[in-house]
Amino acid sequence: MKYLLMALSILITVSVMGANKFAVVDMQRVILEVSQGKKAMSILKAEKAKKEKTINTKKQNFMKQQKELEEMMKNPAADKAKAEAKYKQLAQTYQMLQMEAQKMQQELMKKEQAAAKKILEKAQVVLAKIVKKEKFTMVFNKAALLYAPPASDITNQLIRQYDKSYK
């Protein structure tokens, strides 16, 4: 809401000053659709699948051990100390599994953010060239606006120029 109000006040101020040319860019779409973004997302997706496979294997092993413990507890002749030790071991395994899954998510998120940051930095350079050539007064991120005329959207142009500049 704060950004919307700020954008509106800028628009009003600038429109009072005279003829201006505005544009809108969907930066999230730029990140996902430029060739480097597609490549980065593909690599991250493959890495995520590999790590999820490892975690799923560990989860299956955990569930197998859990069933063994349940069977042990059903047996009245079972050694109580052994069962308690197995229970404690399973509880630790469960916690480690949860922490490993959380760590994996955080690592992937950091890698995704780093890739997006690199793309955004390069996109800013390309955008500056487009702004200079087309003589735009201001360019807004589409995510911060409620409405913009479709003709003001230069996202496709930015994606094309980005891919041309950074093959």
N, C-alpha and C. Protein backbone atom coordinates (compact mmCIF):
# COMPACT_ATOMS: atom_id res chain seq x y z
N MET A 1 0.83 -1.18 0.00
CA MET A 1 0.00 0.00 0.00
C MET A 1 0.88 1.25 0.00
N LYS A 2 1.96 1.19 0.80
CA LYS A 2 2.88 2.32 0.88
C LYS A 2 3.47 2.63 -0.49
N TYR A 3 3.85 1.58 -1.23
CA TYR A 3 4.44 1.76 -2.55
C TYR A 3 3.42 2.32 -3.54
N LEU A 4 2.20 1.89 -3.41
CA LEU A 4 1.14 2.39 -4.29
C LEU A 4 0.94 3.89 -4.09
N LEU A 5 0.87 4.29 -2.84
CA LEU A 5 0.69 5.71 -2.54
C LEU A 5 1.89 6.52 -3.03
N MET A 6 3.08 5.97 -2.85
CA MET A 6 4.28 6.65 -3.31
C MET A 6 4.26 6.78 -4.83
N ALA A 7 3.90 5.70 -5.51
CA ALA A 7 3.84 5.72 -6.98
C ALA A 7 2.80 6.73 -7.47
N LEU A 8 1.64 6.75 -6.80
CA LEU A 8 0.60 7.71 -7.19
C LEU A 8 1.05 9.15 -6.99
N SER A 9 1.71 9.42 -5.88
CA SER A 9 2.18 10.79 -5.63
C SER A 9 3.24 11.19 -6.65
N ILE A 10 4.09 10.27 -7.04
CA ILE A 10 5.10 10.55 -8.07
C ILE A 10 4.41 10.83 -9.40
N LEU A 11 3.43 9.99 -9.73
CA LEU A 11 2.71 10.19 -10.99
C LEU A 11 2.03 11.55 -11.04
N ILE A 12 1.40 11.92 -9.97
CA ILE A 12 0.70 13.21 -9.92
C ILE A 12 1.70 14.35 -10.06
N THR A 13 2.80 14.26 -9.32
CA THR A 13 3.82 15.30 -9.36
C THR A 13 4.41 15.44 -10.76
N VAL A 14 4.76 14.32 -11.36
CA VAL A 14 5.40 14.34 -12.67
C VAL A 14 4.41 14.76 -13.75
N SER A 15 3.15 14.33 -13.64
CA SER A 15 2.18 14.70 -14.67
C SER A 15 1.89 16.20 -14.65
N VAL A 16 2.03 16.82 -13.51
CA VAL A 16 1.85 18.26 -13.42
C VAL A 16 3.00 18.97 -14.14
N MET A 17 4.16 18.36 -14.15
CA MET A 17 5.35 18.97 -14.75
C MET A 17 5.30 18.99 -16.28
N GLY A 18 4.54 18.15 -16.90
CA GLY A 18 4.49 18.17 -18.35
C GLY A 18 4.35 16.79 -18.94
N ALA A 19 4.57 16.70 -20.26
CA ALA A 19 4.42 15.45 -20.99
C ALA A 19 5.49 14.46 -20.55
N ASN A 20 5.04 13.30 -20.21
CA ASN A 20 5.95 12.26 -19.74
C ASN A 20 5.59 10.94 -20.39
N LYS A 21 6.54 10.07 -20.37
CA LYS A 21 6.35 8.76 -20.97
C LYS A 21 6.66 7.71 -19.90
N PHE A 22 5.66 6.88 -19.59
CA PHE A 22 5.80 5.88 -18.54
C PHE A 22 5.80 4.47 -19.13
N ALA A 23 6.43 3.57 -18.42
CA ALA A 23 6.43 2.17 -18.83
C ALA A 23 6.29 1.29 -17.59
N VAL A 24 5.91 0.05 -17.84
CA VAL A 24 5.73 -0.93 -16.78
C VAL A 24 6.50 -2.19 -17.17
N VAL A 25 7.15 -2.81 -16.17
CA VAL A 25 7.88 -4.06 -16.40
C VAL A 25 7.51 -5.05 -15.31
N ASP A 26 7.23 -6.27 -15.71
CA ASP A 26 6.97 -7.36 -14.78
C ASP A 26 8.31 -8.05 -14.50
N MET A 27 9.00 -7.59 -13.46
CA MET A 27 10.35 -8.08 -13.18
C MET A 27 10.37 -9.56 -12.80
N GLN A 28 9.32 -10.04 -12.16
CA GLN A 28 9.26 -11.46 -11.82
C GLN A 28 9.23 -12.29 -13.10
N ARG A 29 8.47 -11.85 -14.06
CA ARG A 29 8.40 -12.54 -15.35
C ARG A 29 9.74 -12.48 -16.07
N VAL A 30 10.41 -11.36 -15.97
CA VAL A 30 11.74 -11.23 -16.58
C VAL A 30 12.67 -12.29 -16.00
N ILE A 31 12.70 -12.41 -14.69
CA ILE A 31 13.57 -13.39 -14.02
C ILE A 31 13.29 -14.79 -14.51
N LEU A 32 12.02 -15.14 -14.65
CA LEU A 32 11.64 -16.50 -15.02
C LEU A 32 11.74 -16.79 -16.51
N GLU A 33 11.67 -15.75 -17.36
CA GLU A 33 11.60 -16.01 -18.80
C GLU A 33 12.87 -15.71 -19.59
N VAL A 34 13.81 -14.98 -19.02
CA VAL A 34 15.06 -14.79 -19.78
C VAL A 34 15.79 -16.13 -19.79
N SER A 35 16.62 -16.35 -20.80
CA SER A 35 17.27 -17.66 -20.95
C SER A 35 18.12 -18.02 -19.73
N GLN A 36 18.82 -17.05 -19.16
CA GLN A 36 19.62 -17.34 -17.96
C GLN A 36 18.73 -17.72 -16.78
N GLY A 37 17.56 -17.11 -16.69
CA GLY A 37 16.62 -17.44 -15.61
C GLY A 37 16.07 -18.84 -15.76
N LYS A 38 15.73 -19.20 -17.00
CA LYS A 38 15.23 -20.56 -17.26
C LYS A 38 16.29 -21.59 -16.93
N LYS A 39 17.53 -21.29 -17.31
CA LYS A 39 18.63 -22.22 -17.04
C LYS A 39 18.86 -22.36 -15.53
N ALA A 40 18.87 -21.24 -14.83
CA ALA A 40 19.08 -21.27 -13.38
C ALA A 40 17.96 -22.04 -12.68
N MET A 41 16.72 -21.80 -13.10
CA MET A 41 15.59 -22.50 -12.48
C MET A 41 15.64 -23.99 -12.78
N SER A 42 16.09 -24.35 -13.96
CA SER A 42 16.21 -25.75 -14.33
C SER A 42 17.26 -26.46 -13.46
N ILE A 43 18.39 -25.78 -13.26
CA ILE A 43 19.45 -26.34 -12.41
C ILE A 43 18.96 -26.49 -10.97
N LEU A 44 18.29 -25.47 -10.48
CA LEU A 44 17.77 -25.52 -9.10
C LEU A 44 16.71 -26.60 -8.94
N LYS A 45 15.89 -26.77 -9.96
CA LYS A 45 14.84 -27.79 -9.92
C LYS A 45 15.47 -29.19 -9.86
N ALA A 46 16.52 -29.40 -10.64
CA ALA A 46 17.20 -30.70 -10.64
C ALA A 46 17.88 -30.94 -9.29
N GLU A 47 18.49 -29.91 -8.74
CA GLU A 47 19.14 -30.03 -7.43
C GLU A 47 18.11 -30.34 -6.35
N LYS A 48 16.96 -29.67 -6.43
CA LYS A 48 15.89 -29.90 -5.45
C LYS A 48 15.39 -31.34 -5.54
N ALA A 49 15.20 -31.83 -6.76
CA ALA A 49 14.72 -33.20 -6.94
C ALA A 49 15.71 -34.21 -6.37
N LYS A 50 16.99 -33.97 -6.58
CA LYS A 50 18.03 -34.86 -6.06
C LYS A 50 18.02 -34.88 -4.53
N LYS A 51 17.95 -33.69 -3.94
CA LYS A 51 17.94 -33.61 -2.47
C LYS A 51 16.66 -34.19 -1.88
N GLU A 52 15.53 -33.95 -2.55
CA GLU A 52 14.27 -34.51 -2.07
C GLU A 52 14.30 -36.04 -2.12
N LYS A 53 14.93 -36.58 -3.15
CA LYS A 53 15.04 -38.04 -3.26
C LYS A 53 15.83 -38.59 -2.08
N THR A 54 16.92 -37.93 -1.73
CA THR A 54 17.73 -38.36 -0.59
C THR A 54 16.92 -38.30 0.70
N ILE A 55 16.21 -37.20 0.89
CA ILE A 55 15.40 -37.05 2.11
C ILE A 55 14.27 -38.07 2.14
N ASN A 56 13.63 -38.32 1.01
CA ASN A 56 12.55 -39.31 0.96
C ASN A 56 13.06 -40.71 1.29
N THR A 57 14.27 -41.03 0.84
CA THR A 57 14.86 -42.32 1.17
C THR A 57 15.06 -42.42 2.68
N LYS A 58 15.55 -41.35 3.28
CA LYS A 58 15.75 -41.33 4.74
C LYS A 58 14.42 -41.41 5.47
N LYS A 59 13.38 -40.75 4.93
CA LYS A 59 12.05 -40.82 5.55
C LYS A 59 11.50 -42.25 5.51
N GLN A 60 11.70 -42.92 4.39
CA GLN A 60 11.24 -44.30 4.27
C GLN A 60 11.96 -45.20 5.27
N ASN A 61 13.25 -44.98 5.43
CA ASN A 61 14.02 -45.75 6.41
C ASN A 61 13.51 -45.46 7.82
N PHE A 62 13.21 -44.20 8.09
CA PHE A 62 12.67 -43.82 9.40
C PHE A 62 11.34 -44.52 9.65
N MET A 63 10.46 -44.52 8.65
CA MET A 63 9.14 -45.15 8.80
C MET A 63 9.28 -46.66 9.03
N LYS A 64 10.24 -47.26 8.38
CA LYS A 64 10.51 -48.70 8.57
C LYS A 64 10.93 -48.96 10.01
N GLN A 65 11.82 -48.14 10.52
CA GLN A 65 12.27 -48.29 11.91
C GLN A 65 11.14 -48.02 12.89
N GLN A 66 10.27 -47.09 12.54
CA GLN A 66 9.12 -46.77 13.38
C GLN A 66 8.18 -47.97 13.48
N LYS A 67 7.96 -48.66 12.36
CA LYS A 67 7.11 -49.86 12.37
C LYS A 67 7.74 -50.96 13.21
N GLU A 68 9.06 -51.08 13.09
CA GLU A 68 9.77 -52.08 13.91
C GLU A 68 9.58 -51.79 15.39
N LEU A 69 9.63 -50.52 15.77
CA LEU A 69 9.43 -50.14 17.16
C LEU A 69 8.00 -50.46 17.60
N GLU A 70 7.04 -50.16 16.74
CA GLU A 70 5.64 -50.47 17.07
C GLU A 70 5.44 -51.97 17.29
N GLU A 71 6.05 -52.77 16.46
CA GLU A 71 5.97 -54.23 16.61
C GLU A 71 6.64 -54.67 17.92
N MET A 72 7.76 -54.04 18.22
CA MET A 72 8.48 -54.37 19.45
C MET A 72 7.63 -54.04 20.67
N MET A 73 6.91 -52.92 20.61
CA MET A 73 6.08 -52.48 21.74
C MET A 73 4.86 -53.38 21.93
N LYS A 74 4.39 -53.99 20.84
CA LYS A 74 3.24 -54.89 20.93
C LYS A 74 3.60 -56.19 21.64
N ASN A 75 4.84 -56.57 21.56
CA ASN A 75 5.30 -57.82 22.16
C ASN A 75 5.51 -57.63 23.66
N PRO A 76 4.72 -58.35 24.49
CA PRO A 76 4.84 -58.16 25.94
C PRO A 76 6.20 -58.65 26.48
N ALA A 77 6.85 -59.52 25.75
CA ALA A 77 8.13 -60.06 26.21
C ALA A 77 9.31 -59.18 25.77
N ALA A 78 9.01 -58.08 25.10
CA ALA A 78 10.08 -57.23 24.58
C ALA A 78 10.83 -56.53 25.72
N ASP A 79 12.10 -56.32 25.48
CA ASP A 79 12.96 -55.64 26.45
C ASP A 79 12.60 -54.15 26.46
N LYS A 80 12.07 -53.68 27.60
CA LYS A 80 11.62 -52.29 27.72
C LYS A 80 12.77 -51.30 27.52
N ALA A 81 13.93 -51.61 28.04
CA ALA A 81 15.08 -50.71 27.91
C ALA A 81 15.49 -50.58 26.44
N LYS A 82 15.43 -51.70 25.72
CA LYS A 82 15.77 -51.68 24.30
C LYS A 82 14.76 -50.84 23.52
N ALA A 83 13.49 -51.00 23.87
CA ALA A 83 12.43 -50.25 23.20
C ALA A 83 12.57 -48.75 23.47
N GLU A 84 12.88 -48.38 24.70
CA GLU A 84 13.07 -46.97 25.03
C GLU A 84 14.26 -46.38 24.29
N ALA A 85 15.33 -47.16 24.20
CA ALA A 85 16.53 -46.70 23.49
C ALA A 85 16.21 -46.50 22.01
N LYS A 86 15.44 -47.42 21.44
CA LYS A 86 15.05 -47.32 20.04
C LYS A 86 14.15 -46.10 19.83
N TYR A 87 13.25 -45.86 20.79
CA TYR A 87 12.36 -44.71 20.71
C TYR A 87 13.17 -43.40 20.72
N LYS A 88 14.14 -43.29 21.62
CA LYS A 88 14.98 -42.09 21.71
C LYS A 88 15.77 -41.90 20.42
N GLN A 89 16.28 -43.01 19.89
CA GLN A 89 17.05 -42.93 18.65
C GLN A 89 16.16 -42.44 17.50
N LEU A 90 14.93 -42.94 17.44
CA LEU A 90 13.99 -42.52 16.40
C LEU A 90 13.61 -41.04 16.55
N ALA A 91 13.45 -40.60 17.77
CA ALA A 91 13.12 -39.19 18.01
C ALA A 91 14.26 -38.30 17.51
N GLN A 92 15.49 -38.70 17.77
CA GLN A 92 16.65 -37.93 17.29
C GLN A 92 16.72 -37.97 15.77
N THR A 93 16.47 -39.13 15.20
CA THR A 93 16.49 -39.27 13.75
C THR A 93 15.44 -38.37 13.12
N TYR A 94 14.26 -38.34 13.73
CA TYR A 94 13.18 -37.49 13.22
C TYR A 94 13.58 -36.02 13.24
N GLN A 95 14.15 -35.58 14.36
CA GLN A 95 14.59 -34.18 14.46
C GLN A 95 15.66 -33.86 13.42
N MET A 96 16.60 -34.75 13.24
CA MET A 96 17.67 -34.53 12.27
C MET A 96 17.10 -34.47 10.85
N LEU A 97 16.13 -35.32 10.59
CA LEU A 97 15.48 -35.34 9.28
C LEU A 97 14.75 -34.02 9.01
N GLN A 98 14.05 -33.52 10.02
CA GLN A 98 13.35 -32.24 9.90
C GLN A 98 14.34 -31.10 9.66
N MET A 99 15.44 -31.11 10.41
CA MET A 99 16.45 -30.05 10.26
C MET A 99 17.11 -30.12 8.89
N GLU A 100 17.36 -31.31 8.41
CA GLU A 100 17.98 -31.48 7.10
C GLU A 100 17.05 -30.97 5.99
N ALA A 101 15.77 -31.27 6.10
CA ALA A 101 14.80 -30.80 5.11
C ALA A 101 14.70 -29.27 5.14
N GLN A 102 14.71 -28.70 6.32
CA GLN A 102 14.63 -27.25 6.47
C GLN A 102 15.90 -26.59 5.91
N LYS A 103 17.05 -27.19 6.20
CA LYS A 103 18.32 -26.66 5.70
C LYS A 103 18.34 -26.69 4.17
N MET A 104 17.83 -27.78 3.59
CA MET A 104 17.78 -27.91 2.14
C MET A 104 16.93 -26.79 1.54
N GLN A 105 15.77 -26.54 2.13
CA GLN A 105 14.88 -25.48 1.65
C GLN A 105 15.57 -24.12 1.71
N GLN A 106 16.26 -23.86 2.81
CA GLN A 106 16.94 -22.58 2.98
C GLN A 106 18.07 -22.42 1.96
N GLU A 107 18.83 -23.47 1.74
CA GLU A 107 19.93 -23.42 0.76
C GLU A 107 19.39 -23.15 -0.64
N LEU A 108 18.33 -23.85 -1.01
CA LEU A 108 17.74 -23.65 -2.33
C LEU A 108 17.18 -22.24 -2.48
N MET A 109 16.57 -21.73 -1.42
CA MET A 109 16.01 -20.38 -1.47
C MET A 109 17.14 -19.35 -1.63
N LYS A 110 18.25 -19.56 -0.93
CA LYS A 110 19.38 -18.64 -1.06
C LYS A 110 19.95 -18.68 -2.47
N LYS A 111 20.07 -19.86 -3.04
CA LYS A 111 20.58 -20.00 -4.40
C LYS A 111 19.64 -19.34 -5.40
N GLU A 112 18.34 -19.51 -5.19
CA GLU A 112 17.35 -18.90 -6.08
C GLU A 112 17.42 -17.37 -5.99
N GLN A 113 17.55 -16.86 -4.77
CA GLN A 113 17.66 -15.41 -4.58
C GLN A 113 18.94 -14.86 -5.22
N ALA A 114 20.04 -15.60 -5.09
CA ALA A 114 21.31 -15.16 -5.68
C ALA A 114 21.20 -15.12 -7.21
N ALA A 115 20.58 -16.14 -7.77
CA ALA A 115 20.41 -16.19 -9.23
C ALA A 115 19.51 -15.04 -9.69
N ALA A 116 18.44 -14.80 -8.96
CA ALA A 116 17.52 -13.71 -9.30
C ALA A 116 18.22 -12.35 -9.20
N LYS A 117 19.05 -12.20 -8.19
CA LYS A 117 19.77 -10.93 -8.01
C LYS A 117 20.69 -10.66 -9.19
N LYS A 118 21.42 -11.68 -9.65
CA LYS A 118 22.31 -11.52 -10.80
C LYS A 118 21.52 -11.11 -12.04
N ILE A 119 20.40 -11.77 -12.25
CA ILE A 119 19.56 -11.47 -13.41
C ILE A 119 19.01 -10.05 -13.31
N LEU A 120 18.54 -9.66 -12.13
CA LEU A 120 18.00 -8.32 -11.95
C LEU A 120 19.05 -7.24 -12.20
N GLU A 121 20.28 -7.49 -11.75
CA GLU A 121 21.35 -6.51 -11.98
C GLU A 121 21.59 -6.32 -13.48
N LYS A 122 21.62 -7.42 -14.21
CA LYS A 122 21.82 -7.34 -15.66
C LYS A 122 20.59 -6.71 -16.33
N ALA A 123 19.41 -7.04 -15.83
CA ALA A 123 18.18 -6.49 -16.40
C ALA A 123 18.14 -4.98 -16.22
N GLN A 124 18.67 -4.49 -15.11
CA GLN A 124 18.71 -3.04 -14.87
C GLN A 124 19.56 -2.34 -15.94
N VAL A 125 20.65 -2.96 -16.32
CA VAL A 125 21.53 -2.39 -17.35
C VAL A 125 20.78 -2.33 -18.68
N VAL A 126 20.13 -3.43 -19.03
CA VAL A 126 19.38 -3.48 -20.29
C VAL A 126 18.23 -2.48 -20.24
N LEU A 127 17.55 -2.42 -19.12
CA LEU A 127 16.43 -1.50 -18.96
C LEU A 127 16.88 -0.05 -19.13
N ALA A 128 18.03 0.27 -18.58
CA ALA A 128 18.55 1.64 -18.71
C ALA A 128 18.75 2.00 -20.19
N LYS A 129 19.20 1.05 -20.98
CA LYS A 129 19.39 1.30 -22.41
C LYS A 129 18.04 1.53 -23.11
N ILE A 130 17.06 0.72 -22.74
CA ILE A 130 15.72 0.87 -23.33
C ILE A 130 15.14 2.23 -22.94
N VAL A 131 15.27 2.59 -21.68
CA VAL A 131 14.73 3.86 -21.18
C VAL A 131 15.36 5.03 -21.94
N LYS A 132 16.67 4.96 -22.12
CA LYS A 132 17.37 6.03 -22.83
C LYS A 132 16.91 6.11 -24.29
N LYS A 133 16.82 4.96 -24.94
CA LYS A 133 16.43 4.92 -26.35
C LYS A 133 14.98 5.38 -26.55
N GLU A 134 14.08 4.89 -25.70
CA GLU A 134 12.65 5.18 -25.84
C GLU A 134 12.23 6.48 -25.13
N LYS A 135 13.17 7.07 -24.39
CA LYS A 135 12.93 8.32 -23.66
C LYS A 135 11.78 8.23 -22.64
N PHE A 136 11.82 7.16 -21.83
CA PHE A 136 10.84 7.01 -20.76
C PHE A 136 11.23 7.91 -19.60
N THR A 137 10.22 8.53 -18.99
CA THR A 137 10.46 9.35 -17.82
C THR A 137 10.58 8.46 -16.59
N MET A 138 9.70 7.45 -16.52
CA MET A 138 9.69 6.52 -15.38
C MET A 138 9.28 5.14 -15.85
N VAL A 139 9.82 4.15 -15.13
CA VAL A 139 9.43 2.75 -15.36
C VAL A 139 9.05 2.18 -14.01
N PHE A 140 7.89 1.56 -13.96
CA PHE A 140 7.38 0.99 -12.72
C PHE A 140 7.39 -0.53 -12.79
N ASN A 141 7.59 -1.13 -11.62
CA ASN A 141 7.45 -2.58 -11.53
C ASN A 141 5.96 -2.90 -11.49
N LYS A 142 5.53 -3.79 -12.36
CA LYS A 142 4.12 -4.12 -12.48
C LYS A 142 3.53 -4.61 -11.15
N ALA A 143 4.34 -5.26 -10.34
CA ALA A 143 3.87 -5.80 -9.06
C ALA A 143 3.41 -4.70 -8.11
N ALA A 144 3.90 -3.48 -8.31
CA ALA A 144 3.55 -2.37 -7.41
C ALA A 144 2.34 -1.58 -7.89
N LEU A 145 1.78 -1.95 -9.05
CA LEU A 145 0.66 -1.19 -9.61
C LEU A 145 -0.62 -2.01 -9.63
N LEU A 146 -1.71 -1.34 -9.48
CA LEU A 146 -3.01 -2.01 -9.59
C LEU A 146 -3.45 -2.11 -11.04
N TYR A 147 -3.08 -1.08 -11.82
CA TYR A 147 -3.47 -1.08 -13.22
C TYR A 147 -2.46 -0.28 -14.03
N ALA A 148 -2.20 -0.78 -15.21
CA ALA A 148 -1.40 -0.05 -16.21
C ALA A 148 -1.90 -0.48 -17.57
N PRO A 149 -2.02 0.44 -18.51
CA PRO A 149 -2.48 0.06 -19.85
C PRO A 149 -1.52 -0.96 -20.47
N PRO A 150 -2.05 -1.97 -21.12
CA PRO A 150 -1.18 -2.99 -21.73
C PRO A 150 -0.12 -2.42 -22.66
N ALA A 151 -0.41 -1.32 -23.31
CA ALA A 151 0.55 -0.70 -24.24
C ALA A 151 1.79 -0.17 -23.51
N SER A 152 1.68 0.06 -22.21
CA SER A 152 2.82 0.58 -21.45
C SER A 152 3.75 -0.52 -20.95
N ASP A 153 3.35 -1.77 -21.14
CA ASP A 153 4.15 -2.90 -20.65
C ASP A 153 5.29 -3.20 -21.63
N ILE A 154 6.52 -3.05 -21.15
CA ILE A 154 7.69 -3.31 -21.99
C ILE A 154 8.44 -4.57 -21.55
N THR A 155 7.76 -5.45 -20.83
CA THR A 155 8.39 -6.67 -20.34
C THR A 155 8.96 -7.52 -21.47
N ASN A 156 8.17 -7.74 -22.52
CA ASN A 156 8.65 -8.57 -23.64
C ASN A 156 9.88 -7.97 -24.29
N GLN A 157 9.87 -6.67 -24.45
CA GLN A 157 11.02 -5.98 -25.04
C GLN A 157 12.26 -6.16 -24.16
N LEU A 158 12.08 -6.04 -22.86
CA LEU A 158 13.20 -6.22 -21.93
C LEU A 158 13.75 -7.64 -22.00
N ILE A 159 12.87 -8.62 -22.06
CA ILE A 159 13.29 -10.02 -22.14
C ILE A 159 14.08 -10.26 -23.43
N ARG A 160 13.56 -9.77 -24.54
CA ARG A 160 14.26 -9.94 -25.83
C ARG A 160 15.64 -9.29 -25.81
N GLN A 161 15.69 -8.05 -25.33
CA GLN A 161 16.97 -7.33 -25.29
C GLN A 161 17.95 -7.99 -24.32
N TYR A 162 17.44 -8.47 -23.21
CA TYR A 162 18.29 -9.16 -22.22
C TYR A 162 18.93 -10.39 -22.87
N ASP A 163 18.09 -11.21 -23.50
CA ASP A 163 18.61 -12.43 -24.11
C ASP A 163 19.59 -12.12 -25.25
N LYS A 164 19.36 -11.03 -25.94
CA LYS A 164 20.27 -10.63 -27.00
C LYS A 164 21.61 -10.16 -26.41
N SER A 165 21.54 -9.46 -25.30
CA SER A 165 22.76 -8.92 -24.67
C SER A 165 23.55 -9.97 -23.89
N TYR A 166 22.85 -10.92 -23.29
CA TYR A 166 23.52 -11.92 -22.42
C TYR A 166 23.20 -13.33 -22.90
N LYS A 167 23.76 -13.68 -24.03
CA LYS A 167 23.50 -15.00 -24.62
C LYS A 167 24.05 -16.11 -23.81
